[in-house]
Protein backbone atom coordinates (compact mmCIF):
# COMPACT_ATOMS: atom_id res chain seq x y z
CA MET A 1 -31.94 35.57 10.62
CA ASP A 2 -28.52 36.23 12.14
CA GLN A 3 -27.02 33.42 14.15
CA PRO A 4 -25.64 34.30 17.61
CA PRO A 5 -21.84 34.33 17.78
CA VAL A 6 -20.14 31.10 18.80
CA ILE A 7 -18.71 31.31 22.29
CA PRO A 8 -15.35 29.48 22.46
CA PHE A 9 -15.10 26.74 25.09
CA ASP A 10 -18.78 26.86 25.90
CA TRP A 11 -18.80 23.51 27.68
CA HIS A 12 -22.56 23.20 27.53
CA ARG A 13 -22.38 23.49 23.71
CA VAL A 14 -19.30 21.25 23.47
CA LEU A 15 -20.72 18.44 25.61
CA TRP A 16 -24.46 18.75 25.28
CA ALA A 17 -26.89 19.74 22.51
CA ASP A 18 -30.11 21.53 23.46
CA ASN A 19 -32.26 18.67 22.13
CA THR A 20 -30.23 15.91 23.81
CA THR A 21 -31.66 13.92 26.72
CA TRP A 22 -30.15 11.32 29.02
CA VAL A 23 -32.44 8.68 27.54
CA PHE A 24 -31.07 9.42 24.05
CA LEU A 25 -27.56 8.70 25.37
CA LEU A 26 -28.81 5.24 26.28
CA GLU A 27 -30.18 4.91 22.74
CA ILE A 28 -26.75 5.85 21.35
CA ALA A 29 -25.19 3.10 23.47
CA PHE A 30 -27.75 0.65 22.06
CA ARG A 31 -27.12 1.83 18.49
CA CYS A 32 -23.35 1.40 18.94
CA GLY A 33 -23.84 -2.16 20.18
CA VAL A 34 -26.08 -3.08 17.22
CA MET A 35 -23.75 -1.51 14.65
CA TYR A 36 -20.70 -3.09 16.23
CA LEU A 37 -22.28 -6.52 15.88
CA LEU A 38 -23.16 -5.77 12.24
CA ILE A 39 -19.56 -4.70 11.55
CA LEU A 40 -18.22 -7.88 13.15
CA GLY A 41 -20.62 -9.94 11.05
CA ALA A 42 -19.54 -8.19 7.84
CA LEU A 43 -15.85 -8.74 8.64
CA ARG A 44 -16.53 -12.41 9.36
CA VAL A 45 -18.06 -12.74 5.89
CA MET A 46 -15.06 -10.97 4.35
CA GLY A 47 -12.73 -13.39 6.14
CA ARG A 48 -9.07 -12.93 7.00
CA ARG A 49 -8.33 -10.82 3.95
CA GLY A 50 -10.61 -8.11 5.28
CA VAL A 51 -8.34 -7.38 8.22
CA ARG A 52 -4.99 -7.58 6.38
CA GLN A 53 -3.64 -5.20 3.77
CA LEU A 54 -6.76 -4.16 1.86
CA SER A 55 -7.22 -4.19 -1.89
CA ILE A 56 -8.98 -1.26 -3.57
CA PHE A 57 -12.23 -3.26 -3.68
CA GLU A 58 -12.07 -4.19 0.00
CA LEU A 59 -11.16 -0.65 1.01
CA SER A 60 -14.25 0.69 -0.80
CA ILE A 61 -16.41 -1.80 1.14
CA ILE A 62 -14.88 -0.80 4.50
CA LEU A 63 -15.34 2.91 3.77
CA GLY A 64 -18.97 2.39 2.76
CA LEU A 65 -19.78 0.33 5.84
CA GLY A 66 -17.92 2.75 8.11
CA SER A 67 -19.96 5.70 6.87
CA ALA A 68 -23.25 3.87 7.31
CA ALA A 69 -22.28 2.56 10.74
CA GLY A 70 -21.06 5.91 12.07
CA ASP A 71 -24.23 7.77 11.13
CA ALA A 72 -26.49 5.10 12.61
CA MET A 73 -24.52 5.05 15.85
CA LEU A 74 -24.83 8.76 16.53
CA TYR A 75 -27.70 10.52 14.75
CA ASN A 76 -31.24 10.24 16.03
CA ASP A 77 -32.74 10.69 12.55
CA THR A 78 -30.88 7.66 11.07
CA PRO A 79 -33.02 4.52 11.55
CA LEU A 80 -31.31 1.20 12.19
CA LEU A 81 -33.36 -0.91 9.77
CA PRO A 82 -32.27 0.94 6.57
CA THR A 83 -28.67 0.77 7.84
CA ALA A 84 -29.01 -2.99 8.30
CA VAL A 85 -30.24 -3.20 4.70
CA VAL A 86 -27.13 -1.28 3.60
CA PHE A 87 -24.92 -3.74 5.46
CA GLY A 88 -26.75 -6.71 3.95
CA MET A 89 -26.52 -5.28 0.43
CA VAL A 90 -22.84 -4.33 0.64
CA THR A 91 -21.90 -7.68 2.18
CA GLY A 92 -23.92 -9.48 -0.50
CA LEU A 93 -22.13 -7.52 -3.23
CA TYR A 94 -18.81 -8.49 -1.67
CA VAL A 95 -19.73 -12.18 -1.80
CA LEU A 96 -21.03 -11.84 -5.39
CA PHE A 97 -17.93 -10.02 -6.61
CA ASN A 98 -15.71 -12.62 -4.94
CA ARG A 99 -17.54 -15.36 -6.86
CA LEU A 100 -17.16 -13.40 -10.10
CA THR A 101 -13.42 -13.04 -9.53
CA GLU A 102 -13.18 -16.82 -9.07
CA TRP A 103 -15.15 -17.55 -12.25
CA TYR A 104 -13.65 -14.84 -14.45
CA PRO A 105 -9.92 -14.11 -13.90
CA GLY A 106 -10.10 -11.11 -16.22
CA PHE A 107 -12.78 -9.57 -14.00
CA SER A 108 -10.51 -10.05 -10.98
CA ASP A 109 -7.65 -8.25 -12.73
CA TRP A 110 -9.97 -5.37 -13.63
CA LEU A 111 -11.46 -5.12 -10.15
CA GLU A 112 -8.45 -5.55 -7.91
CA GLY A 113 -5.46 -5.28 -10.25
CA GLU A 114 -2.88 -7.95 -10.97
CA PRO A 115 0.64 -8.66 -9.69
CA ILE A 116 3.21 -6.53 -11.48
CA LEU A 117 6.86 -7.54 -11.91
CA LEU A 118 8.94 -4.59 -10.68
CA LEU A 119 12.42 -6.09 -10.57
CA GLU A 120 14.01 -9.01 -12.39
CA GLU A 121 17.53 -10.41 -12.05
CA GLY A 122 18.62 -7.46 -9.92
CA VAL A 123 17.41 -4.80 -12.38
CA ILE A 124 14.25 -2.69 -12.07
CA SER A 125 11.77 -3.23 -14.91
CA HIS A 126 11.67 0.37 -16.07
CA GLN A 127 8.47 0.07 -18.13
CA ASN A 128 6.48 -1.63 -15.35
CA PHE A 129 7.83 0.64 -12.62
CA LYS A 130 6.78 3.80 -14.47
CA LYS A 131 3.16 2.59 -14.53
CA GLN A 132 2.97 2.28 -10.74
CA ASN A 133 2.34 5.06 -8.25
CA LEU A 134 5.70 4.34 -6.63
CA THR A 135 9.00 6.08 -6.04
CA LEU A 136 12.46 4.55 -5.83
CA LYS A 137 12.60 5.65 -2.19
CA GLU A 138 9.48 3.59 -1.41
CA LEU A 139 10.74 0.53 -3.30
CA PHE A 140 14.18 0.63 -1.72
CA GLY A 141 12.62 1.21 1.71
CA GLU A 142 10.47 -1.91 1.33
CA LEU A 143 13.50 -3.96 0.28
CA ARG A 144 15.61 -2.69 3.17
CA GLN A 145 12.89 -3.90 5.55
CA GLN A 146 13.51 -7.35 4.05
CA GLN A 147 17.23 -7.00 4.88
CA VAL A 148 18.21 -6.44 1.25
CA GLU A 149 21.54 -4.62 1.00
CA HIS A 150 21.86 -4.43 -2.79
CA LEU A 151 19.76 -5.42 -5.82
CA GLY A 152 22.19 -8.18 -6.82
CA GLN A 153 20.70 -10.23 -3.96
CA VAL A 154 17.21 -10.08 -5.47
CA ARG A 155 15.91 -12.33 -8.24
CA ARG A 156 12.36 -10.95 -8.54
CA VAL A 157 10.06 -8.43 -6.86
CA TYR A 158 6.30 -8.26 -7.48
CA VAL A 159 3.86 -5.65 -6.23
CA GLU A 160 0.66 -7.51 -5.42
CA ALA A 161 -2.92 -6.31 -5.89
CA THR A 162 -2.98 -5.44 -2.17
CA GLY A 163 0.06 -3.17 -2.54
CA GLU A 164 2.31 -5.60 -0.66
CA PHE A 165 5.69 -6.65 -2.07
CA SER A 166 6.69 -10.25 -2.77
CA VAL A 167 10.46 -10.64 -2.84
CA TYR A 168 12.44 -13.64 -4.19
CA TYR A 169 16.16 -13.93 -3.58
CA PHE A 170 19.18 -15.45 -5.25
CA GLU A 171 20.95 -18.28 -3.46
CA ASP A 172 24.09 -17.03 -1.71
CA GLU A 173 26.38 -18.53 -4.34
CA ALA A 174 24.37 -16.89 -7.13
CA VAL A 175 24.44 -13.33 -5.71
CA ARG A 176 25.73 -10.93 -8.35
CA PRO A 177 27.11 -7.38 -8.26
CA GLY A 178 24.21 -5.03 -7.69
CA LEU A 179 23.06 -1.53 -6.82
CA PRO A 180 23.55 -0.83 -3.08
CA ILE A 181 20.34 0.60 -1.63
CA TRP A 182 21.51 1.91 1.72
CA PRO A 183 20.67 5.65 1.79
CA GLU A 184 24.31 6.54 2.46
CA ARG A 185 25.45 4.64 -0.63
CA LEU A 186 22.67 6.03 -2.84
CA ALA A 187 23.81 9.54 -1.90
CA GLU A 188 27.22 8.72 -3.46
CA ALA A 189 25.83 8.47 -7.00
CA GLN A 190 28.10 10.24 -9.50
CA LEU A 191 27.97 11.17 -13.18
CA ALA A 192 31.41 9.69 -13.72
CA ALA A 193 32.88 6.43 -12.41
CA THR A 194 35.06 6.98 -9.37
CA ALA A 195 37.25 3.97 -10.22
CA ALA A 196 37.43 1.31 -12.90
CA GLY A 197 35.12 -1.64 -12.31
CA PRO A 198 31.45 -2.67 -12.26
CA HIS A 199 29.02 0.18 -11.58
CA ALA A 200 25.24 0.10 -11.13
CA CYS A 201 22.79 2.66 -12.49
CA ALA A 202 21.42 4.58 -9.51
CA SER A 203 17.93 4.64 -11.08
CA CYS A 204 17.38 1.02 -12.11
CA GLY A 205 20.30 -1.15 -10.98
CA HIS A 206 21.59 -2.05 -14.46
CA VAL A 207 25.26 -3.05 -14.07
CA ARG A 208 28.09 -2.42 -16.51
CA GLU A 209 31.86 -2.08 -16.47
CA LEU A 210 33.12 1.48 -16.48
CA ALA A 211 36.62 2.84 -16.79
CA GLU A 212 37.84 5.36 -14.25
CA ALA A 213 36.23 8.80 -14.81
CA ALA A 214 34.07 7.34 -17.60
CA VAL A 215 30.68 8.91 -18.32
CA ALA A 216 27.88 6.69 -19.66
CA ARG A 217 24.14 6.51 -20.17
CA CYS A 218 22.19 3.51 -18.83
CA ALA A 219 20.90 1.26 -21.60
CA ASN A 220 17.86 0.26 -19.49
CA CYS A 221 16.48 3.60 -18.24
CA GLN A 222 18.59 6.22 -20.06
CA GLN A 223 19.78 7.80 -16.80
CA HIS A 224 23.43 8.63 -16.21
CA THR A 225 24.33 8.42 -12.50
CA TRP A 226 26.36 5.46 -11.25
CA ILE A 227 27.41 3.81 -7.99
CA PRO A 228 30.09 1.16 -7.50
CA THR A 229 28.37 -2.20 -7.05
CA SER A 230 28.19 -4.33 -3.93
CA THR A 231 28.60 -8.12 -3.83
CA ALA A 232 27.64 -8.70 -0.17
CA ARG A 233 25.60 -11.77 0.60
CA ARG A 234 22.24 -11.33 2.25
CA VAL A 235 22.04 -11.89 6.01
CA GLY A 236 18.40 -12.40 7.06
């Protein structure tokens, strides 16, 4: 049977379904209140981690609960009791998996991932970096938000299971020549050294001495663009 054509901006259709009643709007308000309380309860069980940067495991829980809550809030053919069972089951699984991650560290690494060392002694760990779904632009952007001017200021950088970055710095007196990560400086990368002196690989931060106009390949990442190093101290 052919459906009638849809009339654009039919406000009766946009705002009101044919089978909707004013009493059902009150039921929707009730459903929203119940589901909101269930969501608050689930987040209380998850604790503070549930409202910070989410791990893959926690994100899957939030998505599952959000789908169940949204349907139960709006649709008249979605009963509240089965939805409450879903919330109880998902929250219980969260508590169980948390206990398993405490008892079995290997299970935690499999479920949520483990911290990965991305940068050490001012040089990007090329092997580890390639395994992450990251770009140099993203890494350098994160470091710039921590007031890092060049990689010689940084002792270690880890990407945590939550996707957040943990950054450890050299003491001021221990800062070494490093790759400048300001966008303007990165745009100056050249195949040949512009002047004699220490140059940093534009792809990983490996530093070596280059003669003027010298062309070289990086021993760490095999790339061949270079930038004169910076020795500025970090100002937080």
